[in-house]
C-alpha atoms as a PDB file:
ATOM      1  CA  MET A   1      -4.460 108.274 -90.624  1.00  0.00           C
ATOM      2  CA  ILE A   2      -1.011 107.054 -90.489  1.00  0.00           C
ATOM      3  CA  ALA A   3       0.615 109.895 -88.769  1.00  0.00           C
ATOM      4  CA  ASN A   4      -2.011 109.690 -85.828  1.00  0.00           C
ATOM      5  CA  ARG A   5      -1.729 105.752 -85.353  1.00  0.00           C
ATOM      6  CA  PHE A   6       2.162 106.536 -85.083  1.00  0.00           C
ATOM      7  CA  LEU A   7       1.350 109.606 -82.328  1.00  0.00           C
ATOM      8  CA  ILE A   8      -1.052 107.395 -80.359  1.00  0.00           C
ATOM      9  CA  VAL A   9       1.385 104.290 -80.509  1.00  0.00           C
ATOM     10  CA  SER A  10       4.497 106.503 -79.504  1.00  0.00           C
ATOM     11  CA  ALA A  11       2.537 108.251 -76.826  1.00  0.00           C
ATOM     12  CA  ALA A  12       1.656 105.107 -75.140  1.00  0.00           C
ATOM     13  CA  VAL A  13       4.881 103.709 -75.451  1.00  0.00           C
ATOM     14  CA  LEU A  14       6.196 106.878 -73.953  1.00  0.00           C
ATOM     15  CA  PHE A  15       4.263 106.624 -70.743  1.00  0.00           C
ATOM     16  CA  LEU A  16       5.043 102.955 -69.812  1.00  0.00           C
ATOM     17  CA  TRP A  17       8.516 103.456 -70.115  1.00  0.00           C
ATOM     18  CA  ALA A  18       8.985 107.135 -68.994  1.00  0.00           C
ATOM     19  CA  GLY A  19       9.494 106.333 -65.246  1.00  0.00           C
ATOM     20  CA  LYS A  20      11.955 103.781 -66.332  1.00  0.00           C
ATOM     21  CA  ALA A  21      14.176 105.799 -68.402  1.00  0.00           C
ATOM     22  CA  GLY A  22      18.168 105.540 -67.897  1.00  0.00           C
ATOM     23  CA  GLY A  23      18.123 107.493 -64.572  1.00  0.00           C
ATOM     24  CA  GLY A  24      17.868 111.545 -64.608  1.00  0.00           C
ATOM     25  CA  GLN A  25      20.995 113.901 -64.538  1.00  0.00           C
ATOM     26  CA  ARG A  26      24.270 112.648 -66.323  1.00  0.00           C
ATOM     27  CA  GLY A  27      27.537 112.458 -64.034  1.00  0.00           C
ATOM     28  CA  GLY A  28      30.107 115.230 -64.077  1.00  0.00           C
ATOM     29  CA  GLY A  29      32.572 115.896 -66.473  1.00  0.00           C
ATOM     30  CA  ALA A  30      36.168 115.270 -66.513  1.00  0.00           C
ATOM     31  CA  ARG A  31      38.442 114.931 -63.480  1.00  0.00           C
ATOM     32  CA  GLY A  32      39.150 118.742 -62.874  1.00  0.00           C
ATOM     33  CA  GLN A  33      36.338 119.879 -65.220  1.00  0.00           C
ATOM     34  CA  ALA A  34      33.069 121.117 -64.498  1.00  0.00           C
ATOM     35  CA  PRO A  35      30.373 119.162 -65.142  1.00  0.00           C
ATOM     36  CA  PRO A  36      28.348 120.221 -68.412  1.00  0.00           C
ATOM     37  CA  THR A  37      25.187 122.624 -68.161  1.00  0.00           C
ATOM     38  CA  PRO A  38      21.664 121.166 -69.051  1.00  0.00           C
ATOM     39  CA  LYS A  39      21.936 123.213 -71.924  1.00  0.00           C
ATOM     40  CA  ALA A  40      25.297 121.609 -73.410  1.00  0.00           C
ATOM     41  CA  ASP A  41      24.313 118.567 -72.047  1.00  0.00           C
ATOM     42  CA  SER A  42      20.609 118.298 -73.578  1.00  0.00           C
ATOM     43  CA  ALA A  43      18.639 114.836 -74.171  1.00  0.00           C
ATOM     44  CA  ILE A  44      16.875 116.586 -76.757  1.00  0.00           C
ATOM     45  CA  ASP A  45      16.393 119.672 -78.651  1.00  0.00           C
ATOM     46  CA  ILE A  46      12.892 120.792 -78.142  1.00  0.00           C
ATOM     47  CA  THR A  47      13.709 124.499 -79.204  1.00  0.00           C
ATOM     48  CA  GLY A  48      11.860 126.123 -81.584  1.00  0.00           C
ATOM     49  CA  THR A  49       8.063 126.789 -82.154  1.00  0.00           C
ATOM     50  CA  TRP A  50       5.429 124.425 -82.316  1.00  0.00           C
ATOM     51  CA  THR A  51       2.018 124.690 -83.016  1.00  0.00           C
ATOM     52  CA  ALA A  52      -0.594 122.361 -80.893  1.00  0.00           C
ATOM     53  CA  VAL A  53      -2.333 119.434 -83.353  1.00  0.00           C
ATOM     54  CA  ILE A  54      -5.766 118.945 -82.086  1.00  0.00           C
ATOM     55  CA  THR A  55      -7.039 115.087 -83.650  1.00  0.00           C
ATOM     56  CA  GLU A  56      -8.466 113.937 -80.015  1.00  0.00           C
ATOM     57  CA  ASP A  57     -10.775 115.753 -77.683  1.00  0.00           C
ATOM     58  CA  TRP A  58     -11.806 118.476 -80.674  1.00  0.00           C
ATOM     59  CA  PRO A  59     -14.846 119.540 -78.576  1.00  0.00           C
ATOM     60  CA  LEU A  60     -13.220 120.033 -75.305  1.00  0.00           C
ATOM     61  CA  ARG A  61     -10.354 121.738 -76.384  1.00  0.00           C
ATOM     62  CA  MET A  62     -11.059 123.797 -79.691  1.00  0.00           C
ATOM     63  CA  VAL A  63     -14.122 125.737 -77.968  1.00  0.00           C
ATOM     64  CA  THR A  64     -15.148 126.150 -74.135  1.00  0.00           C
ATOM     65  CA  PRO A  65     -16.967 122.848 -73.306  1.00  0.00           C
ATOM     66  CA  LYS A  66     -20.400 123.109 -72.368  1.00  0.00           C
ATOM     67  CA  LYS A  67     -21.197 123.894 -68.361  1.00  0.00           C
ATOM     68  CA  GLY A  68     -21.529 120.454 -66.806  1.00  0.00           C
ATOM     69  CA  ASP A  69     -19.206 118.397 -69.733  1.00  0.00           C
ATOM     70  CA  TYR A  70     -16.767 117.150 -67.631  1.00  0.00           C
ATOM     71  CA  THR A  71     -15.869 113.885 -69.601  1.00  0.00           C
ATOM     72  CA  ARG A  72     -13.143 111.620 -68.524  1.00  0.00           C
ATOM     73  CA  VAL A  73     -12.153 113.943 -65.826  1.00  0.00           C
ATOM     74  CA  PRO A  74     -12.216 111.684 -62.090  1.00  0.00           C
ATOM     75  CA  MET A  75     -13.369 114.299 -60.298  1.00  0.00           C
ATOM     76  CA  THR A  76     -14.262 114.360 -56.668  1.00  0.00           C
ATOM     77  CA  PRO A  77     -18.186 115.383 -55.419  1.00  0.00           C
ATOM     78  CA  ALA A  78     -16.347 118.420 -54.052  1.00  0.00           C
ATOM     79  CA  ALA A  79     -14.875 119.397 -57.429  1.00  0.00           C
ATOM     80  CA  LYS A  80     -18.433 118.774 -58.993  1.00  0.00           C
ATOM     81  CA  GLN A  81     -20.049 120.924 -56.982  1.00  0.00           C
ATOM     82  CA  SER A  82     -17.432 123.444 -57.391  1.00  0.00           C
ATOM     83  CA  ALA A  83     -17.874 123.176 -61.347  1.00  0.00           C
ATOM     84  CA  ASP A  84     -21.533 122.832 -61.043  1.00  0.00           C
ATOM     85  CA  ALA A  85     -21.583 126.393 -59.991  1.00  0.00           C
ATOM     86  CA  TRP A  86     -19.059 127.624 -62.786  1.00  0.00           C
ATOM     87  CA  ASP A  87     -20.051 131.570 -64.009  1.00  0.00           C
ATOM     88  CA  PRO A  88     -17.468 133.447 -66.381  1.00  0.00           C
ATOM     89  CA  ALA A  89     -19.346 136.319 -65.674  1.00  0.00           C
ATOM     90  CA  LYS A  90     -18.445 136.128 -62.256  1.00  0.00           C
ATOM     91  CA  ASP A  91     -14.696 135.447 -63.394  1.00  0.00           C
ATOM     92  CA  GLU A  92     -14.563 138.269 -65.626  1.00  0.00           C
ATOM     93  CA  ALA A  93     -15.645 140.577 -62.767  1.00  0.00           C
ATOM     94  CA  ALA A  94     -13.117 139.424 -60.586  1.00  0.00           C
ATOM     95  CA  GLY A  95     -10.576 139.891 -62.627  1.00  0.00           C
ATOM     96  CA  GLU A  96     -10.044 135.840 -62.911  1.00  0.00           C
ATOM     97  CA  GLN A  97      -9.972 135.714 -66.973  1.00  0.00           C
ATOM     98  CA  CYS A  98      -6.746 133.648 -66.390  1.00  0.00           C
ATOM     99  CA  ARG A  99      -8.187 130.583 -64.767  1.00  0.00           C
ATOM    100  CA  GLY A 100      -8.380 128.174 -67.418  1.00  0.00           C
ATOM    101  CA  TYR A 101      -4.602 129.156 -68.282  1.00  0.00           C
ATOM    102  CA  GLY A 102      -2.465 128.038 -65.755  1.00  0.00           C
ATOM    103  CA  ALA A 103       0.085 125.139 -66.251  1.00  0.00           C
ATOM    104  CA  PRO A 104      -2.834 121.908 -65.853  1.00  0.00           C
ATOM    105  CA  GLY A 105      -4.905 123.445 -68.541  1.00  0.00           C
ATOM    106  CA  VAL A 106      -3.020 126.001 -70.948  1.00  0.00           C
ATOM    107  CA  MET A 107      -0.851 123.042 -72.386  1.00  0.00           C
ATOM    108  CA  ARG A 108      -4.388 121.645 -74.184  1.00  0.00           C
ATOM    109  CA  LEU A 109      -5.595 125.003 -75.009  1.00  0.00           C
ATOM    110  CA  PRO A 110      -4.851 125.921 -79.214  1.00  0.00           C
ATOM    111  CA  GLY A 111      -2.556 127.928 -80.572  1.00  0.00           C
ATOM    112  CA  ARG A 112       1.744 128.047 -80.769  1.00  0.00           C
ATOM    113  CA  LEU A 113       4.398 127.662 -78.169  1.00  0.00           C
ATOM    114  CA  ARG A 114       8.009 128.617 -78.790  1.00  0.00           C
ATOM    115  CA  ILE A 115      10.705 127.112 -76.559  1.00  0.00           C
ATOM    116  CA  GLY A 116      14.271 128.690 -75.858  1.00  0.00           C
ATOM    117  CA  TRP A 117      17.314 129.058 -73.564  1.00  0.00           C
ATOM    118  CA  GLN A 118      16.889 131.813 -71.073  1.00  0.00           C
ATOM    119  CA  ASP A 119      20.114 130.614 -69.633  1.00  0.00           C
ATOM    120  CA  ASP A 120      22.332 127.870 -69.362  1.00  0.00           C
ATOM    121  CA  GLN A 121      20.041 126.366 -66.815  1.00  0.00           C
ATOM    122  CA  THR A 122      16.614 127.312 -67.289  1.00  0.00           C
ATOM    123  CA  LEU A 123      14.194 126.857 -70.443  1.00  0.00           C
ATOM    124  CA  LYS A 124      11.596 129.237 -71.310  1.00  0.00           C
ATOM    125  CA  MET A 125       8.479 128.353 -72.811  1.00  0.00           C
ATOM    126  CA  GLU A 126       5.882 131.409 -73.899  1.00  0.00           C
ATOM    127  CA  LEU A 127       2.545 130.510 -75.038  1.00  0.00           C
ATOM    128  CA  GLU A 128       0.172 131.981 -77.421  1.00  0.00           C
ATOM    129  CA  ALA A 129      -3.031 131.243 -75.204  1.00  0.00           C
ATOM    130  CA  GLY A 130      -3.270 133.644 -72.620  1.00  0.00           C
ATOM    131  CA  THR A 131      -0.074 135.532 -73.251  1.00  0.00           C
ATOM    132  CA  GLN A 132       1.355 132.639 -70.751  1.00  0.00           C
ATOM    133  CA  THR A 133       5.182 131.875 -69.886  1.00  0.00           C
ATOM    134  CA  ARG A 134       6.428 128.911 -67.755  1.00  0.00           C
ATOM    135  CA  VAL A 135       9.989 128.233 -66.595  1.00  0.00           C
ATOM    136  CA  PHE A 136      11.851 124.980 -66.523  1.00  0.00           C
ATOM    137  CA  ARG A 137      14.614 125.631 -63.855  1.00  0.00           C
ATOM    138  CA  PHE A 138      17.050 122.564 -64.019  1.00  0.00           C
ATOM    139  CA  GLY A 139      19.035 121.882 -60.486  1.00  0.00           C
ATOM    140  CA  ALA A 140      18.152 120.220 -57.397  1.00  0.00           C
ATOM    141  CA  ALA A 141      15.045 121.733 -55.947  1.00  0.00           C
ATOM    142  CA  GLY A 142      14.874 122.789 -52.216  1.00  0.00           C
ATOM    143  CA  PRO A 143      12.711 121.199 -49.461  1.00  0.00           C
ATOM    144  CA  LYS A 144       9.205 119.552 -50.960  1.00  0.00           C
ATOM    145  CA  GLY A 145       6.760 122.534 -51.540  1.00  0.00           C
ATOM    146  CA  ALA A 146       9.418 125.220 -50.931  1.00  0.00           C
ATOM    147  CA  ALA A 147       9.006 128.560 -53.191  1.00  0.00           C
ATOM    148  CA  LEU A 148      11.742 130.781 -54.296  1.00  0.00           C
ATOM    149  CA  ALA A 149      12.654 133.365 -52.333  1.00  0.00           C
ATOM    150  CA  GLY A 150      10.074 135.922 -52.113  1.00  0.00           C
ATOM    151  CA  THR A 151       7.576 133.760 -54.589  1.00  0.00           C
ATOM    152  CA  GLU A 152       3.794 133.437 -54.242  1.00  0.00           C
ATOM    153  CA  PRO A 153       1.823 130.695 -56.038  1.00  0.00           C
ATOM    154  CA  THR A 154       1.398 131.912 -59.570  1.00  0.00           C
ATOM    155  CA  TRP A 155      -0.626 130.496 -62.559  1.00  0.00           C
ATOM    156  CA  GLN A 156       2.250 128.574 -63.975  1.00  0.00           C
ATOM    157  CA  GLY A 157       3.826 127.334 -60.517  1.00  0.00           C
ATOM    158  CA  GLU A 158       7.121 126.594 -59.958  1.00  0.00           C
ATOM    159  CA  SER A 159       8.667 123.943 -62.766  1.00  0.00           C
ATOM    160  CA  ARG A 160      11.991 121.828 -61.951  1.00  0.00           C
ATOM    161  CA  ALA A 161      13.483 119.939 -65.065  1.00  0.00           C
ATOM    162  CA  GLU A 162      15.225 116.690 -65.057  1.00  0.00           C
ATOM    163  CA  TRP A 163      17.135 115.177 -68.479  1.00  0.00           C
ATOM    164  CA  GLN A 164      16.187 111.536 -68.322  1.00  0.00           C
ATOM    165  CA  TYR A 165      18.945 109.635 -70.889  1.00  0.00           C
ATOM    166  CA  THR A 166      18.558 106.188 -72.544  1.00  0.00           C
ATOM    167  CA  VAL A 167      20.595 103.479 -71.476  1.00  0.00           C
ATOM    168  CA  ASN A 168      22.236 103.026 -74.738  1.00  0.00           C
ATOM    169  CA  PRO A 169      23.053 104.476 -77.911  1.00  0.00           C
ATOM    170  CA  PRO A 170      22.184 106.627 -79.653  1.00  0.00           C
ATOM    171  CA  ARG A 171      22.150 109.322 -76.745  1.00  0.00           C
ATOM    172  CA  THR A 172      18.431 110.316 -76.518  1.00  0.00           C
ATOM    173  CA  GLY A 173      16.196 110.569 -73.738  1.00  0.00           C
ATOM    174  CA  GLU A 174      13.226 112.533 -72.294  1.00  0.00           C
ATOM    175  CA  LEU A 175      12.654 115.590 -70.291  1.00  0.00           C
ATOM    176  CA  LYS A 176      10.747 115.549 -67.414  1.00  0.00           C
ATOM    177  CA  ILE A 177       8.974 118.689 -65.688  1.00  0.00           C
ATOM    178  CA  VAL A 178       7.553 118.686 -62.081  1.00  0.00           C
ATOM    179  CA  THR A 179       4.960 121.418 -61.740  1.00  0.00           C
ATOM    180  CA  ASN A 180       3.546 122.648 -58.439  1.00  0.00           C
ATOM    181  CA  ARG A 181       2.836 125.550 -56.265  1.00  0.00           C
ATOM    182  CA  LEU A 182       0.355 126.607 -58.276  1.00  0.00           C
ATOM    183  CA  ARG A 183      -2.803 129.315 -58.104  1.00  0.00           C
ATOM    184  CA  PRO A 184      -5.709 127.584 -57.936  1.00  0.00           C
ATOM    185  CA  GLY A 185      -7.285 127.409 -61.559  1.00  0.00           C
ATOM    186  CA  TYR A 186      -9.276 125.166 -64.189  1.00  0.00           C
ATOM    187  CA  LEU A 187      -8.100 121.879 -65.963  1.00  0.00           C
ATOM    188  CA  ARG A 188     -10.786 122.687 -68.497  1.00  0.00           C
ATOM    189  CA  LYS A 189     -12.452 126.382 -68.820  1.00  0.00           C
ATOM    190  CA  ASN A 190     -15.489 125.393 -67.899  1.00  0.00           C
ATOM    191  CA  GLY A 191     -14.921 125.430 -64.250  1.00  0.00           C
ATOM    192  CA  VAL A 192     -13.344 122.097 -63.743  1.00  0.00           C
ATOM    193  CA  PRO A 193     -11.090 123.047 -60.871  1.00  0.00           C
ATOM    194  CA  TYR A 194      -7.768 122.172 -59.474  1.00  0.00           C
ATOM    195  CA  GLY A 195      -6.254 123.627 -56.031  1.00  0.00           C
ATOM    196  CA  PRO A 196      -3.027 124.607 -54.437  1.00  0.00           C
ATOM    197  CA  ASN A 197      -2.045 121.043 -53.481  1.00  0.00           C
ATOM    198  CA  THR A 198      -1.702 119.989 -57.155  1.00  0.00           C
ATOM    199  CA  MET A 199       0.919 118.765 -58.486  1.00  0.00           C
ATOM    200  CA  MET A 200       1.916 117.887 -62.421  1.00  0.00           C
ATOM    201  CA  THR A 201       4.508 115.913 -63.729  1.00  0.00           C
ATOM    202  CA  GLU A 202       5.306 115.683 -67.524  1.00  0.00           C
ATOM    203  CA  TYR A 203       7.309 114.095 -69.772  1.00  0.00           C
ATOM    204  CA  TYR A 204       8.686 115.812 -73.103  1.00  0.00           C
ATOM    205  CA  HIS A 205       9.653 113.553 -76.155  1.00  0.00           C
ATOM    206  CA  ARG A 206      10.445 114.418 -79.402  1.00  0.00           C
ATOM    207  CA  MET A 207       9.759 111.907 -82.172  1.00  0.00           C
ATOM    208  CA  THR A 208      10.156 112.035 -86.158  1.00  0.00           C
ATOM    209  CA  ALA A 209       7.170 111.200 -88.165  1.00  0.00           C
ATOM    210  CA  PRO A 210       7.871 108.661 -91.267  1.00  0.00           C
ATOM    211  CA  ASN A 211       7.596 111.751 -93.650  1.00  0.00           C
ATOM    212  CA  GLY A 212      10.106 113.725 -91.648  1.00  0.00           C
ATOM    213  CA  ASP A 213       7.848 116.118 -89.691  1.00  0.00           C
ATOM    214  CA  VAL A 214       9.333 116.573 -86.304  1.00  0.00           C
ATOM    215  CA  TRP A 215       6.656 115.733 -83.527  1.00  0.00           C
ATOM    216  CA  LEU A 216       6.741 116.898 -79.596  1.00  0.00           C
ATOM    217  CA  THR A 217       4.340 114.620 -77.657  1.00  0.00           C
ATOM    218  CA  VAL A 218       4.102 115.753 -74.128  1.00  0.00           C
ATOM    219  CA  VAL A 219       2.379 112.950 -71.322  1.00  0.00           C
ATOM    220  CA  ALA A 220       0.929 114.851 -68.235  1.00  0.00           C
ATOM    221  CA  GLU A 221       0.011 113.282 -64.865  1.00  0.00           C
ATOM    222  CA  ILE A 222      -1.620 115.545 -62.749  1.00  0.00           C
ATOM    223  CA  VAL A 223      -2.776 114.815 -58.984  1.00  0.00           C
ATOM    224  CA  ASP A 224      -4.799 116.706 -56.916  1.00  0.00           C
ATOM    225  CA  PRO A 225      -5.607 115.119 -53.496  1.00  0.00           C
ATOM    226  CA  ASP A 226      -8.641 117.336 -53.236  1.00  0.00           C
ATOM    227  CA  ASN A 227     -10.412 117.654 -56.813  1.00  0.00           C
ATOM    228  CA  LEU A 228      -9.548 114.352 -58.499  1.00  0.00           C
ATOM    229  CA  ARG A 229      -9.984 110.985 -57.543  1.00  0.00           C
ATOM    230  CA  GLU A 230      -7.050 109.620 -58.961  1.00  0.00           C
ATOM    231  CA  PRO A 231      -4.376 110.786 -61.159  1.00  0.00           C
ATOM    232  CA  PHE A 232      -5.412 112.488 -64.628  1.00  0.00           C
ATOM    233  CA  VAL A 233      -3.239 111.400 -67.312  1.00  0.00           C
ATOM    234  CA  GLN A 234      -3.607 113.260 -70.782  1.00  0.00           C
ATOM    235  CA  SER A 235      -1.221 113.268 -73.843  1.00  0.00           C
ATOM    236  CA  THR A 236      -0.875 116.217 -76.276  1.00  0.00           C
ATOM    237  CA  HIS A 237       0.829 116.524 -79.521  1.00  0.00           C
ATOM    238  CA  PHE A 238       2.819 119.897 -80.984  1.00  0.00           C
ATOM    239  CA  LYS A 239       4.502 119.808 -84.458  1.00  0.00           C
ATOM    240  CA  LYS A 240       7.218 121.976 -85.089  1.00  0.00           C
ATOM    241  CA  LEU A 241       6.963 124.829 -87.258  1.00  0.00           C
ATOM    242  CA  PRO A 242       9.725 126.755 -89.685  1.00  0.00           C
ATOM    243  CA  ALA A 243      12.388 129.274 -88.230  1.00  0.00           C
ATOM    244  CA  ASN A 244      10.514 132.807 -87.948  1.00  0.00           C
ATOM    245  CA  SER A 245       7.015 131.495 -87.800  1.00  0.00           C
ATOM    246  CA  PRO A 246       4.119 133.223 -86.636  1.00  0.00           C
ATOM    247  CA  PHE A 247       3.681 133.747 -83.174  1.00  0.00           C
ATOM    248  CA  LYS A 248       0.956 135.930 -82.140  1.00  0.00           C
ATOM    249  CA  PRO A 249      -0.160 136.055 -78.092  1.00  0.00           C
ATOM    250  CA  GLU A 250      -3.989 136.312 -77.307  1.00  0.00           C
ATOM    251  CA  ALA A 251      -5.260 137.686 -74.063  1.00  0.00           C
ATOM    252  CA  CYS A 252      -7.057 135.237 -71.529  1.00  0.00           C
ATOM    253  CA  GLU A 253     -10.842 134.599 -71.976  1.00  0.00           C
ATOM    254  CA  ALA A 254     -13.161 133.345 -69.508  1.00  0.00           C
ATOM    255  CA  ARG A 255     -15.590 131.975 -72.232  1.00  0.00           C
END
């Protein structure tokens, strides 16, 4: 109970404070030296294997919600009409079993995720759910909505990463991720839709509980002008596992 209260309070404080954190990337290195890479200048260490801890919205996350259960999602009438027509058999027949495993939905599914550095400028997140992989690239983005050369919208979209540092010592902060260019999918596996104009902004916050457990809290704001009347905000908690913990990717399921 104490740990749960700790997480809830921390998530609330995080969301109110996240946009006020100390201003993005730090300055360059000493004169004549190249600035440190994002890997070398990490605000927090989020690498390792983490498991989702589902203490809220259990019926909506541990199993596929029943058709018509759109609890707390601020859907437009068009989105509700689309969700009411959800038919997992049709998704299976069309080879669209992964519609519930895009970036806005997959982070809420049960299972483990594994985070590591792909190179000095890029973090990679592997998820057991749906055998999905997210890639977080640091550095300035191109024109708004511009794709990487030769790419099409995908389930995980394009994600730009930025460290946000606290102003005062000790040195710490947040990881901010902005994701767009998403292939249309489901916010929840029961057909709640998101469209191609969706943008998701996430804040990753690492904290240590009083008992020594290490937690990762992810606060996500999802904006979809076609399917949501207002921004949809959720917080999701992950607990760090020991090194070499099992990691067993699973196929997407429509049901």
